[in-house]
Amino acid sequence: MDILTEALASMRTGSPASVRTDGRAPWGLRLPPVAGAGFHVVLHGTCWLVPLDDTPPIPLAPGDVIFVRDGRGHVLADHPSTPAEEPRDEQFSDGMPIGSVSVGGDGPRTSLLCGNYHLDQGRPHPLVMRLPEIIHLPTRHGRHPELSAAVQLLGAELDNPRIGSEGIVPSLIDSLLLYILRAWLDDQPADTAQGWAAALRDTAVAPALAAIHQTPATQWTVESLAARSGLSRAAFARRFNALVGEPPMAYLTRWRMTTAAQLLQESDAPLTTVAARTGYGSEFAFAKAFKREFGLAPGMYRRQARAAA
């Protein structure tokens, strides 16, 4: 069971938004906060990402990828000391396969792919919630070959749009999120990794997570999950809580409710069916648990989700 894919799918609320950004020195863009997670890919040239807090500026080179977990505001510039301005409407232009924004003077050129993934920050999956606020992934010198290949494909399609580019580029951008997070997880040393980076490799916790994701309707208990790991109930519970960030039964309930919310949004399944597929013996028990989690009865949640869509 691919937990990373499912965790992200549970938070996605729409297609990513993106724009090509071309800056000629001196240039600086102040990017406001966005709902979701931001990303930048350096296609050509160099620049700096300047956080708006006391975090040091980050130098970026060709092929570098930045992921901003909570979409916080920040600055992109040719140099940290360059004054930054918010992008203006007249700097944008439509294009194929995506639009572009051009800023700056007549100095050296930097080209980036910038955008954001629409992720529900109101109910973040703990895998995403416990990521660093900013992830910087260089792809030079053979690092992260799959991510590097995706960046190169994106650059080629954006530099030389051809027939099919309008379908290829959105798919590559959509896949980029998984490449980014997989590369970061791969970067975490096996002997010192913590949190979800360790949980997904742990011989006791990883099988329990896979079981919960694969069959959330099973009447799992701490004992039955611990039995899959070969640990005692107490030892398994401590290890799960330390790595995942919450007790096994709390995570089970979270995933059941996440699965139920997706079923309510994406299918016309009766509430009795949704209840059975998420481990509840009756529609009443399911509705009570769902309202406690979301503050709405399942039927109302489905109607509001459909209306919003």
Protein backbone atom coordinates (compact mmCIF):
# COMPACT_ATOMS: atom_id res chain seq x y z
CA MET A 1 0.00 0.00 0.00
CA ASP A 2 1.51 3.35 -1.12
CA ILE A 3 1.06 5.46 1.99
CA LEU A 4 2.76 8.56 0.53
CA THR A 5 0.40 8.65 -2.46
CA GLU A 6 -2.65 8.11 -0.26
CA ALA A 7 -1.58 10.73 2.29
CA LEU A 8 -1.21 13.37 -0.42
CA ALA A 9 -4.41 12.33 -2.18
CA SER A 10 -6.29 12.78 1.09
CA MET A 11 -5.21 16.45 1.19
CA ARG A 12 -5.45 17.42 -2.48
CA THR A 13 -8.36 19.76 -3.20
CA GLY A 14 -7.63 20.69 -6.82
CA SER A 15 -5.09 20.82 -9.59
CA PRO A 16 -1.81 22.69 -9.01
CA ALA A 17 -1.46 26.26 -10.21
CA SER A 18 1.78 27.25 -11.93
CA VAL A 19 3.49 29.99 -13.88
CA ARG A 20 6.86 30.41 -15.53
CA THR A 21 8.85 33.24 -13.95
CA ASP A 22 11.60 34.97 -15.93
CA GLY A 23 13.72 37.49 -14.07
CA ARG A 24 16.59 39.61 -15.35
CA ALA A 25 18.89 41.15 -12.78
CA PRO A 26 18.22 43.15 -10.78
CA TRP A 27 14.92 41.53 -9.87
CA GLY A 28 13.01 40.60 -6.73
CA LEU A 29 9.51 39.17 -6.26
CA ARG A 30 7.67 39.17 -2.95
CA LEU A 31 5.31 36.20 -3.08
CA PRO A 32 2.30 36.35 -0.72
CA PRO A 33 1.10 33.32 1.25
CA VAL A 34 -0.95 30.76 -0.65
CA ALA A 35 -3.45 28.14 0.46
CA GLY A 36 -1.59 24.87 0.21
CA ALA A 37 2.08 24.24 -0.47
CA GLY A 38 4.35 26.27 -2.73
CA PHE A 39 7.09 25.02 -5.03
CA HIS A 40 9.82 26.43 -7.26
CA VAL A 41 12.01 24.74 -9.85
CA VAL A 42 15.07 26.57 -11.17
CA LEU A 43 15.17 25.90 -14.91
CA HIS A 44 18.01 28.24 -15.88
CA GLY A 45 20.31 30.63 -14.01
CA THR A 46 20.66 31.25 -10.29
CA CYS A 47 18.72 33.14 -7.64
CA TRP A 48 17.96 33.25 -3.91
CA LEU A 49 14.95 32.32 -1.82
CA VAL A 50 14.65 34.77 1.07
CA PRO A 51 12.29 33.75 3.90
CA LEU A 52 10.38 36.54 5.64
CA ASP A 53 11.57 35.48 9.09
CA ASP A 54 15.08 35.11 10.50
CA THR A 55 15.87 32.02 8.42
CA PRO A 56 19.01 32.55 6.29
CA PRO A 57 18.54 33.07 2.54
CA ILE A 58 18.93 29.96 0.39
CA PRO A 59 21.05 30.12 -2.78
CA LEU A 60 19.48 28.28 -5.72
CA ALA A 61 21.19 26.87 -8.82
CA PRO A 62 19.94 25.22 -12.03
CA GLY A 63 17.91 22.10 -11.28
CA ASP A 64 17.24 23.03 -7.65
CA VAL A 65 13.76 22.41 -6.28
CA ILE A 66 12.13 24.21 -3.35
CA PHE A 67 9.03 22.99 -1.50
CA VAL A 68 7.27 25.37 0.92
CA ARG A 69 5.14 23.14 3.13
CA ASP A 70 2.54 25.63 4.33
CA GLY A 71 2.64 28.14 1.46
CA ARG A 72 4.15 30.89 3.59
CA GLY A 73 5.15 34.16 1.95
CA HIS A 74 8.75 34.60 0.83
CA VAL A 75 10.95 36.44 -1.66
CA LEU A 76 12.69 35.26 -4.81
CA ALA A 77 15.47 37.54 -6.06
CA ASP A 78 18.72 37.66 -7.98
CA HIS A 79 20.39 38.65 -4.68
CA PRO A 80 19.14 38.83 -1.07
CA SER A 81 19.75 42.58 -1.00
CA THR A 82 17.67 43.37 -4.09
CA PRO A 83 14.40 45.17 -3.21
CA ALA A 84 11.37 42.98 -3.88
CA GLU A 85 7.96 43.88 -5.25
CA GLU A 86 4.73 41.93 -5.52
CA PRO A 87 3.97 40.77 -9.08
CA ARG A 88 1.69 43.09 -11.03
CA ASP A 89 -1.01 42.14 -13.51
CA GLU A 90 0.80 43.76 -16.45
CA GLN A 91 3.81 41.49 -15.84
CA PHE A 92 1.77 38.37 -16.61
CA SER A 93 1.13 37.00 -20.07
CA ASP A 94 -0.80 34.00 -21.31
CA GLY A 95 1.09 31.23 -23.01
CA MET A 96 1.18 27.58 -23.96
CA PRO A 97 1.37 25.31 -21.99
CA ILE A 98 1.35 27.76 -19.01
CA GLY A 99 1.43 31.52 -18.56
CA SER A 100 4.51 33.52 -17.64
CA VAL A 101 5.59 36.53 -15.64
CA SER A 102 8.60 38.69 -16.58
CA VAL A 103 10.35 41.01 -14.11
CA GLY A 104 13.54 42.92 -13.58
CA GLY A 105 16.09 44.77 -15.67
CA ASP A 106 18.43 43.73 -18.47
CA GLY A 107 21.02 41.68 -16.57
CA PRO A 108 21.58 37.92 -16.40
CA ARG A 109 18.42 35.85 -16.79
CA THR A 110 16.93 33.33 -14.38
CA SER A 111 13.98 31.17 -15.32
CA LEU A 112 11.84 29.26 -12.83
CA LEU A 113 8.67 27.23 -12.69
CA CYS A 114 6.68 28.53 -9.72
CA GLY A 115 3.38 27.37 -8.32
CA ASN A 116 1.40 25.82 -5.55
CA TYR A 117 -0.37 22.58 -4.76
CA HIS A 118 -3.87 22.95 -3.31
CA LEU A 119 -3.63 21.01 -0.06
CA ASP A 120 -6.19 21.09 2.74
CA GLN A 121 -4.21 22.69 5.56
CA GLY A 122 -7.26 22.50 7.81
CA ARG A 123 -6.87 18.73 8.06
CA PRO A 124 -3.24 18.01 7.14
CA HIS A 125 -2.01 14.45 7.11
CA PRO A 126 0.67 14.08 9.82
CA LEU A 127 3.18 12.91 7.20
CA VAL A 128 2.97 16.34 5.54
CA MET A 129 2.43 18.30 8.77
CA ARG A 130 5.74 17.09 10.19
CA LEU A 131 7.83 17.96 7.12
CA PRO A 132 10.32 20.85 7.38
CA GLU A 133 8.77 24.23 6.61
CA ILE A 134 11.08 24.63 3.60
CA ILE A 135 12.67 21.72 1.72
CA HIS A 136 15.61 22.47 -0.60
CA LEU A 137 16.55 19.69 -3.01
CA PRO A 138 19.55 20.23 -5.31
CA THR A 139 19.55 17.80 -8.25
CA ARG A 140 23.07 18.47 -9.54
CA HIS A 141 25.93 15.98 -9.49
CA GLY A 142 23.69 12.93 -9.82
CA ARG A 143 21.54 13.63 -6.76
CA HIS A 144 17.89 12.54 -6.89
CA PRO A 145 17.99 11.13 -10.44
CA GLU A 146 14.20 10.68 -10.77
CA LEU A 147 13.49 14.22 -9.57
CA SER A 148 16.25 15.52 -11.85
CA ALA A 149 14.72 13.71 -14.82
CA ALA A 150 11.30 15.24 -14.08
CA VAL A 151 12.87 18.72 -13.86
CA GLN A 152 14.68 18.20 -17.16
CA LEU A 153 11.49 17.04 -18.86
CA LEU A 154 9.62 20.08 -17.54
CA GLY A 155 12.37 22.40 -18.73
CA ALA A 156 12.38 20.85 -22.19
CA GLU A 157 8.59 21.14 -22.56
CA LEU A 158 8.54 24.75 -21.33
CA ASP A 159 11.52 25.83 -23.46
CA ASN A 160 10.19 24.19 -26.61
CA PRO A 161 6.42 23.67 -26.42
CA ARG A 162 5.15 21.18 -28.98
CA ILE A 163 2.04 19.23 -29.77
CA GLY A 164 0.97 17.48 -26.57
CA SER A 165 2.71 19.92 -24.21
CA GLU A 166 -0.58 21.15 -22.79
CA GLY A 167 -1.27 17.63 -21.52
CA ILE A 168 2.31 16.69 -20.61
CA VAL A 169 3.24 19.71 -18.48
CA PRO A 170 0.29 19.57 -16.04
CA SER A 171 0.88 15.84 -15.55
CA LEU A 172 4.58 16.40 -14.85
CA ILE A 173 3.81 19.20 -12.38
CA ASP A 174 1.25 16.97 -10.66
CA SER A 175 3.80 14.15 -10.35
CA LEU A 176 6.51 16.54 -9.18
CA LEU A 177 5.01 16.68 -5.68
CA LEU A 178 5.52 12.94 -5.19
CA TYR A 179 9.05 13.15 -6.58
CA ILE A 180 9.86 16.00 -4.18
CA LEU A 181 8.63 14.22 -1.08
CA ARG A 182 10.14 10.87 -2.08
CA ALA A 183 13.51 12.56 -2.63
CA TRP A 184 13.33 14.20 0.78
CA LEU A 185 12.42 10.91 2.46
CA ASP A 186 15.30 9.18 0.66
CA ASP A 187 17.65 11.90 1.94
CA GLN A 188 16.98 11.09 5.59
CA PRO A 189 19.76 8.87 6.99
CA ALA A 190 18.46 5.47 8.03
CA ASP A 191 20.28 5.56 11.38
CA THR A 192 19.14 9.05 12.42
CA ALA A 193 15.79 9.52 10.64
CA GLN A 194 12.88 10.55 12.82
CA GLY A 195 9.12 10.87 12.50
CA TRP A 196 7.49 9.62 9.31
CA ALA A 197 10.84 9.27 7.54
CA ALA A 198 11.62 6.58 10.10
CA ALA A 199 8.06 5.22 10.39
CA LEU A 200 7.87 4.29 6.71
CA ARG A 201 11.04 2.20 7.07
CA ASP A 202 10.45 0.81 10.54
CA THR A 203 9.97 -2.95 10.64
CA ALA A 204 7.29 -2.65 13.32
CA VAL A 205 5.42 0.54 12.42
CA ALA A 206 5.47 0.34 8.60
CA PRO A 207 3.48 -2.95 8.45
CA ALA A 208 0.90 -1.54 10.85
CA LEU A 209 0.48 1.60 8.75
CA ALA A 210 0.15 -0.49 5.59
CA ALA A 211 -2.52 -2.64 7.25
CA ILE A 212 -4.54 0.39 8.37
CA HIS A 213 -4.39 1.94 4.90
CA GLN A 214 -5.14 -1.30 3.08
CA THR A 215 -8.16 -2.36 5.14
CA PRO A 216 -9.44 0.47 7.36
CA ALA A 217 -12.70 -1.46 7.84
CA THR A 218 -10.92 -4.25 9.75
CA GLN A 219 -11.60 -4.13 13.48
CA TRP A 220 -7.99 -3.37 14.31
CA THR A 221 -6.83 -3.18 17.92
CA VAL A 222 -3.47 -2.23 19.35
CA GLU A 223 -2.96 -5.92 20.09
CA SER A 224 -3.69 -7.10 16.55
CA LEU A 225 -1.47 -4.40 15.03
CA ALA A 226 1.31 -5.19 17.50
CA ALA A 227 1.07 -8.86 16.56
CA ARG A 228 2.04 -7.95 12.99
CA SER A 229 5.21 -6.31 14.29
CA GLY A 230 6.36 -8.96 16.71
CA LEU A 231 6.36 -6.47 19.60
CA SER A 232 4.41 -6.42 22.81
CA ARG A 233 1.33 -4.21 22.93
CA ALA A 234 3.04 -1.57 25.10
CA ALA A 235 6.30 -1.54 23.13
CA PHE A 236 4.46 -1.26 19.80
CA ALA A 237 2.21 1.56 21.06
CA ARG A 238 5.22 3.55 22.32
CA ARG A 239 7.11 3.09 19.06
CA PHE A 240 4.11 3.97 16.88
CA ASN A 241 3.33 7.09 18.90
CA ALA A 242 6.97 8.24 18.85
CA LEU A 243 7.32 7.95 15.06
CA VAL A 244 3.85 8.75 13.74
CA GLY A 245 3.06 11.42 16.32
CA GLU A 246 -0.18 9.93 17.65
CA PRO A 247 -1.38 6.61 19.12
CA PRO A 248 -2.33 3.74 16.79
CA MET A 249 -6.08 3.98 17.44
CA ALA A 250 -6.05 7.76 16.92
CA TYR A 251 -4.35 7.30 13.55
CA LEU A 252 -6.79 4.52 12.64
CA THR A 253 -9.74 6.83 13.36
CA ARG A 254 -8.07 9.65 11.41
CA TRP A 255 -7.60 7.44 8.36
CA ARG A 256 -11.13 6.02 8.58
CA MET A 257 -12.57 9.53 8.66
CA THR A 258 -10.30 10.64 5.81
CA THR A 259 -11.45 7.65 3.75
CA ALA A 260 -15.08 8.38 4.61
CA ALA A 261 -14.75 12.03 3.57
CA GLN A 262 -13.30 10.99 0.21
CA LEU A 263 -16.10 8.49 -0.35
CA LEU A 264 -18.71 11.13 0.48
CA GLN A 265 -17.15 13.61 -1.92
CA GLU A 266 -16.35 11.28 -4.79
CA SER A 267 -19.13 8.68 -4.79
CA ASP A 268 -22.86 8.28 -4.37
CA ALA A 269 -22.43 5.34 -2.00
CA PRO A 270 -25.18 5.17 0.66
CA LEU A 271 -24.15 6.07 4.19
CA THR A 272 -24.54 2.45 5.24
CA THR A 273 -21.94 1.48 2.63
CA VAL A 274 -19.56 4.26 3.69
CA ALA A 275 -19.96 3.16 7.30
CA ALA A 276 -19.19 -0.48 6.46
CA ARG A 277 -16.14 0.45 4.34
CA THR A 278 -14.67 2.48 7.19
CA GLY A 279 -15.15 -0.01 10.00
CA TYR A 280 -18.46 1.07 11.57
CA GLY A 281 -21.15 -1.47 12.31
CA SER A 282 -24.05 0.94 11.84
CA GLU A 283 -24.89 4.16 10.07
CA PHE A 284 -25.66 5.75 13.45
CA ALA A 285 -22.23 4.93 14.92
CA PHE A 286 -20.54 6.19 11.77
CA ALA A 287 -22.55 9.43 11.67
CA LYS A 288 -21.75 10.12 15.32
CA ALA A 289 -18.01 9.59 14.79
CA PHE A 290 -18.00 11.62 11.58
CA LYS A 291 -19.80 14.59 13.14
CA ARG A 292 -17.38 14.53 16.09
CA GLU A 293 -14.47 14.71 13.64
CA PHE A 294 -15.80 17.17 11.05
CA GLY A 295 -18.49 19.07 12.95
CA LEU A 296 -21.07 18.11 10.29
CA ALA A 297 -23.34 15.17 9.71
CA PRO A 298 -22.16 13.02 6.76
CA GLY A 299 -25.10 14.00 4.55
CA MET A 300 -24.53 17.70 5.12
CA TYR A 301 -20.79 17.28 4.52
CA ARG A 302 -21.52 15.58 1.18
CA ARG A 303 -23.92 18.34 0.11
CA GLN A 304 -21.50 21.12 1.04
CA ALA A 305 -18.59 19.37 -0.69
CA ARG A 306 -20.63 18.94 -3.86
CA ALA A 307 -21.75 22.55 -3.78
CA ALA A 308 -18.17 23.77 -3.31
CA ALA A 309 -16.97 21.61 -6.21
